[in-house]
Amino acid sequence: MLSWDIKPGLDQQYFEFVVREWVPGITKLGLQPREAWYAVYGECPQITTAIVNSDLDRMREILNGDDWSRLHDRLMEYVYNYEQRIVRSAPGFQL
């Protein structure tokens, strides 16, 4: 589970990055984007997304790798208040 807020004034660039680099990049790493939520108002992260991998050890390996680090660094050009956590996948909405 990942969450963040888009930096002010970078909405267009952020969404272009997500479509052109982020989704293809995480898919290439072996991660599967499952869901993404965009919050329009409220006291919550603007973006929350679920990315899955069926193997916990492989997930940790990916998240500790150089390719993830480069992709994460690119994401951080567009976002702030980034949070990341590994949770066991279950049906329905998860926090």
N, C-alpha and C. Protein backbone atom coordinates (compact mmCIF):
# COMPACT_ATOMS: atom_id res chain seq x y z
N MET A 1 0.85 -1.16 0.00
CA MET A 1 0.00 0.00 0.00
C MET A 1 0.90 1.23 0.00
N LEU A 2 0.61 2.13 -0.91
CA LEU A 2 1.36 3.37 -1.02
C LEU A 2 0.38 4.53 -0.97
N SER A 3 0.82 5.63 -0.38
CA SER A 3 -0.02 6.83 -0.40
C SER A 3 0.87 8.06 -0.46
N TRP A 4 0.31 9.15 -1.01
CA TRP A 4 1.04 10.39 -1.14
C TRP A 4 0.09 11.52 -1.56
N ASP A 5 0.64 12.72 -1.54
CA ASP A 5 -0.04 13.90 -2.06
C ASP A 5 0.77 14.43 -3.24
N ILE A 6 0.08 14.96 -4.23
CA ILE A 6 0.74 15.54 -5.39
C ILE A 6 1.20 16.97 -5.04
N LYS A 7 2.44 17.27 -5.38
CA LYS A 7 2.95 18.62 -5.12
C LYS A 7 2.11 19.65 -5.86
N PRO A 8 1.81 20.78 -5.21
CA PRO A 8 1.00 21.83 -5.85
C PRO A 8 1.59 22.26 -7.18
N GLY A 9 0.72 22.40 -8.18
CA GLY A 9 1.12 22.86 -9.49
C GLY A 9 1.71 21.80 -10.40
N LEU A 10 1.82 20.56 -9.91
CA LEU A 10 2.44 19.51 -10.72
C LEU A 10 1.45 18.42 -11.14
N ASP A 11 0.16 18.68 -11.04
CA ASP A 11 -0.83 17.65 -11.34
C ASP A 11 -0.66 17.06 -12.74
N GLN A 12 -0.57 17.91 -13.74
CA GLN A 12 -0.46 17.43 -15.12
C GLN A 12 0.80 16.61 -15.33
N GLN A 13 1.93 17.12 -14.85
CA GLN A 13 3.20 16.40 -14.99
C GLN A 13 3.16 15.08 -14.23
N TYR A 14 2.55 15.10 -13.04
CA TYR A 14 2.43 13.89 -12.24
C TYR A 14 1.65 12.81 -13.00
N PHE A 15 0.48 13.16 -13.52
CA PHE A 15 -0.33 12.16 -14.20
C PHE A 15 0.35 11.65 -15.47
N GLU A 16 1.08 12.50 -16.17
CA GLU A 16 1.84 12.04 -17.32
C GLU A 16 2.93 11.05 -16.90
N PHE A 17 3.62 11.36 -15.80
CA PHE A 17 4.64 10.45 -15.27
C PHE A 17 4.04 9.10 -14.90
N VAL A 18 2.90 9.12 -14.23
CA VAL A 18 2.27 7.87 -13.80
C VAL A 18 1.95 6.99 -15.01
N VAL A 19 1.37 7.57 -16.04
CA VAL A 19 0.99 6.80 -17.22
C VAL A 19 2.20 6.35 -18.03
N ARG A 20 3.18 7.21 -18.19
CA ARG A 20 4.31 6.91 -19.07
C ARG A 20 5.45 6.14 -18.41
N GLU A 21 5.65 6.36 -17.09
CA GLU A 21 6.81 5.76 -16.42
C GLU A 21 6.45 4.88 -15.23
N TRP A 22 5.61 5.39 -14.32
CA TRP A 22 5.34 4.68 -13.07
C TRP A 22 4.70 3.31 -13.29
N VAL A 23 3.56 3.27 -13.95
CA VAL A 23 2.86 2.00 -14.15
C VAL A 23 3.70 1.04 -14.99
N PRO A 24 4.25 1.48 -16.13
CA PRO A 24 5.11 0.54 -16.87
C PRO A 24 6.33 0.09 -16.05
N GLY A 25 6.88 1.00 -15.25
CA GLY A 25 8.06 0.68 -14.45
C GLY A 25 7.80 -0.35 -13.37
N ILE A 26 6.71 -0.18 -12.62
CA ILE A 26 6.42 -1.15 -11.56
C ILE A 26 6.03 -2.50 -12.16
N THR A 27 5.36 -2.46 -13.31
CA THR A 27 4.98 -3.71 -13.98
C THR A 27 6.23 -4.46 -14.43
N LYS A 28 7.19 -3.73 -14.98
CA LYS A 28 8.45 -4.34 -15.42
C LYS A 28 9.20 -4.97 -14.25
N LEU A 29 9.07 -4.40 -13.07
CA LEU A 29 9.73 -4.94 -11.88
C LEU A 29 9.06 -6.22 -11.37
N GLY A 30 7.86 -6.50 -11.87
CA GLY A 30 7.15 -7.69 -11.40
C GLY A 30 6.05 -7.39 -10.41
N LEU A 31 5.72 -6.11 -10.27
CA LEU A 31 4.63 -5.70 -9.37
C LEU A 31 3.37 -5.49 -10.20
N GLN A 32 2.23 -5.78 -9.61
CA GLN A 32 0.97 -5.63 -10.32
C GLN A 32 0.15 -4.51 -9.67
N PRO A 33 -0.09 -3.42 -10.41
CA PRO A 33 -0.97 -2.39 -9.86
C PRO A 33 -2.38 -2.97 -9.76
N ARG A 34 -2.98 -2.86 -8.59
CA ARG A 34 -4.31 -3.44 -8.40
C ARG A 34 -5.38 -2.36 -8.35
N GLU A 35 -5.22 -1.37 -7.50
CA GLU A 35 -6.20 -0.30 -7.35
C GLU A 35 -5.49 1.01 -7.08
N ALA A 36 -6.18 2.09 -7.39
CA ALA A 36 -5.70 3.42 -7.04
C ALA A 36 -6.91 4.29 -6.73
N TRP A 37 -6.78 5.09 -5.70
CA TRP A 37 -7.87 6.00 -5.30
C TRP A 37 -7.33 7.41 -5.28
N TYR A 38 -8.13 8.31 -5.82
CA TYR A 38 -7.81 9.74 -5.85
C TYR A 38 -8.82 10.45 -4.97
N ALA A 39 -8.35 11.02 -3.87
CA ALA A 39 -9.24 11.73 -2.94
C ALA A 39 -9.35 13.19 -3.38
N VAL A 40 -10.57 13.65 -3.54
CA VAL A 40 -10.82 15.01 -3.97
C VAL A 40 -10.83 15.96 -2.78
N TYR A 41 -11.32 15.51 -1.63
CA TYR A 41 -11.33 16.34 -0.44
C TYR A 41 -11.25 15.46 0.78
N GLY A 42 -10.96 16.08 1.93
CA GLY A 42 -10.89 15.34 3.19
C GLY A 42 -9.48 15.29 3.74
N GLU A 43 -9.38 14.85 4.96
CA GLU A 43 -8.10 14.74 5.65
C GLU A 43 -7.52 13.34 5.43
N CYS A 44 -7.02 13.11 4.22
CA CYS A 44 -6.45 11.82 3.87
C CYS A 44 -5.46 12.05 2.74
N PRO A 45 -4.63 11.05 2.44
CA PRO A 45 -3.73 11.21 1.31
C PRO A 45 -4.52 11.41 0.01
N GLN A 46 -3.97 12.21 -0.86
CA GLN A 46 -4.63 12.48 -2.13
C GLN A 46 -4.67 11.23 -3.02
N ILE A 47 -3.58 10.45 -2.98
CA ILE A 47 -3.48 9.21 -3.76
C ILE A 47 -3.21 8.05 -2.81
N THR A 48 -3.95 6.97 -2.96
CA THR A 48 -3.68 5.72 -2.28
C THR A 48 -3.74 4.63 -3.34
N THR A 49 -2.75 3.76 -3.34
CA THR A 49 -2.70 2.72 -4.35
C THR A 49 -2.24 1.40 -3.77
N ALA A 50 -2.72 0.32 -4.34
CA ALA A 50 -2.32 -1.03 -3.93
C ALA A 50 -1.55 -1.65 -5.09
N ILE A 51 -0.38 -2.17 -4.76
CA ILE A 51 0.47 -2.86 -5.72
C ILE A 51 0.77 -4.23 -5.13
N VAL A 52 0.60 -5.28 -5.90
CA VAL A 52 0.74 -6.62 -5.33
C VAL A 52 1.83 -7.45 -6.01
N ASN A 53 2.31 -8.40 -5.22
CA ASN A 53 3.22 -9.44 -5.67
C ASN A 53 2.93 -10.64 -4.79
N SER A 54 2.85 -11.83 -5.36
CA SER A 54 2.43 -13.01 -4.60
C SER A 54 3.51 -13.56 -3.68
N ASP A 55 4.74 -13.06 -3.78
CA ASP A 55 5.85 -13.59 -2.99
C ASP A 55 6.44 -12.48 -2.11
N LEU A 56 6.30 -12.61 -0.80
CA LEU A 56 6.76 -11.58 0.14
C LEU A 56 8.26 -11.35 0.02
N ASP A 57 9.03 -12.42 -0.08
CA ASP A 57 10.49 -12.25 -0.21
C ASP A 57 10.84 -11.50 -1.49
N ARG A 58 10.15 -11.82 -2.57
CA ARG A 58 10.40 -11.13 -3.84
C ARG A 58 9.99 -9.66 -3.74
N MET A 59 8.89 -9.38 -3.06
CA MET A 59 8.46 -8.00 -2.85
C MET A 59 9.54 -7.21 -2.12
N ARG A 60 10.08 -7.78 -1.06
CA ARG A 60 11.14 -7.09 -0.31
C ARG A 60 12.39 -6.89 -1.17
N GLU A 61 12.72 -7.89 -1.97
CA GLU A 61 13.86 -7.79 -2.86
C GLU A 61 13.67 -6.64 -3.86
N ILE A 62 12.49 -6.56 -4.44
CA ILE A 62 12.18 -5.48 -5.38
C ILE A 62 12.30 -4.12 -4.70
N LEU A 63 11.71 -3.99 -3.51
CA LEU A 63 11.69 -2.70 -2.82
C LEU A 63 13.07 -2.28 -2.31
N ASN A 64 13.99 -3.21 -2.23
CA ASN A 64 15.36 -2.89 -1.81
C ASN A 64 16.31 -2.76 -3.00
N GLY A 65 15.80 -2.90 -4.21
CA GLY A 65 16.64 -2.89 -5.41
C GLY A 65 16.86 -1.51 -6.00
N ASP A 66 17.86 -1.42 -6.84
CA ASP A 66 18.22 -0.16 -7.50
C ASP A 66 17.14 0.33 -8.46
N ASP A 67 16.50 -0.59 -9.18
CA ASP A 67 15.46 -0.18 -10.13
C ASP A 67 14.29 0.47 -9.41
N TRP A 68 13.86 -0.10 -8.27
CA TRP A 68 12.80 0.51 -7.47
C TRP A 68 13.25 1.87 -6.95
N SER A 69 14.48 1.94 -6.50
CA SER A 69 15.00 3.19 -5.95
C SER A 69 14.95 4.31 -6.99
N ARG A 70 15.34 4.00 -8.21
CA ARG A 70 15.31 5.01 -9.27
C ARG A 70 13.87 5.44 -9.58
N LEU A 71 12.98 4.47 -9.65
CA LEU A 71 11.57 4.79 -9.94
C LEU A 71 10.96 5.59 -8.80
N HIS A 72 11.27 5.20 -7.58
CA HIS A 72 10.79 5.92 -6.39
C HIS A 72 11.30 7.36 -6.38
N ASP A 73 12.59 7.53 -6.70
CA ASP A 73 13.17 8.89 -6.75
C ASP A 73 12.45 9.76 -7.77
N ARG A 74 12.11 9.19 -8.92
CA ARG A 74 11.35 9.94 -9.94
C ARG A 74 9.98 10.32 -9.42
N LEU A 75 9.31 9.38 -8.75
CA LEU A 75 8.00 9.68 -8.16
C LEU A 75 8.10 10.84 -7.18
N MET A 76 9.15 10.85 -6.38
CA MET A 76 9.30 11.88 -5.35
C MET A 76 9.49 13.28 -5.93
N GLU A 77 9.78 13.38 -7.22
CA GLU A 77 9.84 14.69 -7.86
C GLU A 77 8.46 15.33 -7.94
N TYR A 78 7.42 14.52 -7.87
CA TYR A 78 6.04 14.97 -8.05
C TYR A 78 5.18 14.90 -6.81
N VAL A 79 5.65 14.22 -5.76
CA VAL A 79 4.79 13.98 -4.60
C VAL A 79 5.49 14.30 -3.29
N TYR A 80 4.69 14.40 -2.23
CA TYR A 80 5.20 14.56 -0.86
C TYR A 80 4.26 13.80 0.06
N ASN A 81 4.58 13.73 1.34
CA ASN A 81 3.81 12.94 2.32
C ASN A 81 3.70 11.47 1.88
N TYR A 82 4.78 10.95 1.32
CA TYR A 82 4.81 9.57 0.83
C TYR A 82 4.85 8.59 2.00
N GLU A 83 4.03 7.57 1.92
CA GLU A 83 4.06 6.48 2.90
C GLU A 83 3.97 5.16 2.15
N GLN A 84 4.66 4.15 2.67
CA GLN A 84 4.69 2.84 2.05
C GLN A 84 4.63 1.78 3.14
N ARG A 85 3.86 0.74 2.90
CA ARG A 85 3.84 -0.37 3.85
C ARG A 85 3.45 -1.65 3.12
N ILE A 86 3.97 -2.74 3.61
CA ILE A 86 3.63 -4.05 3.05
C ILE A 86 2.55 -4.65 3.94
N VAL A 87 1.46 -5.06 3.31
CA VAL A 87 0.36 -5.71 4.03
C VAL A 87 -0.04 -6.97 3.28
N ARG A 88 -0.60 -7.92 4.01
CA ARG A 88 -1.08 -9.14 3.39
C ARG A 88 -2.32 -8.80 2.56
N SER A 89 -2.33 -9.26 1.33
CA SER A 89 -3.45 -8.98 0.43
C SER A 89 -4.70 -9.76 0.87
N ALA A 90 -5.82 -9.07 0.85
CA ALA A 90 -7.11 -9.66 1.19
C ALA A 90 -8.18 -9.01 0.32
N PRO A 91 -9.28 -9.69 0.10
CA PRO A 91 -10.36 -9.08 -0.70
C PRO A 91 -10.90 -7.82 -0.02
N GLY A 92 -11.35 -6.87 -0.83
CA GLY A 92 -11.98 -5.66 -0.30
C GLY A 92 -10.98 -4.56 -0.01
N PHE A 93 -11.46 -3.49 0.57
CA PHE A 93 -10.66 -2.30 0.87
C PHE A 93 -9.75 -2.58 2.05
N GLN A 94 -8.48 -2.20 1.92
CA GLN A 94 -7.50 -2.40 2.99
C GLN A 94 -6.85 -1.08 3.35
N LEU A 95 -6.49 -0.94 4.62
CA LEU A 95 -5.73 0.23 5.09
C LEU A 95 -4.41 -0.21 5.65
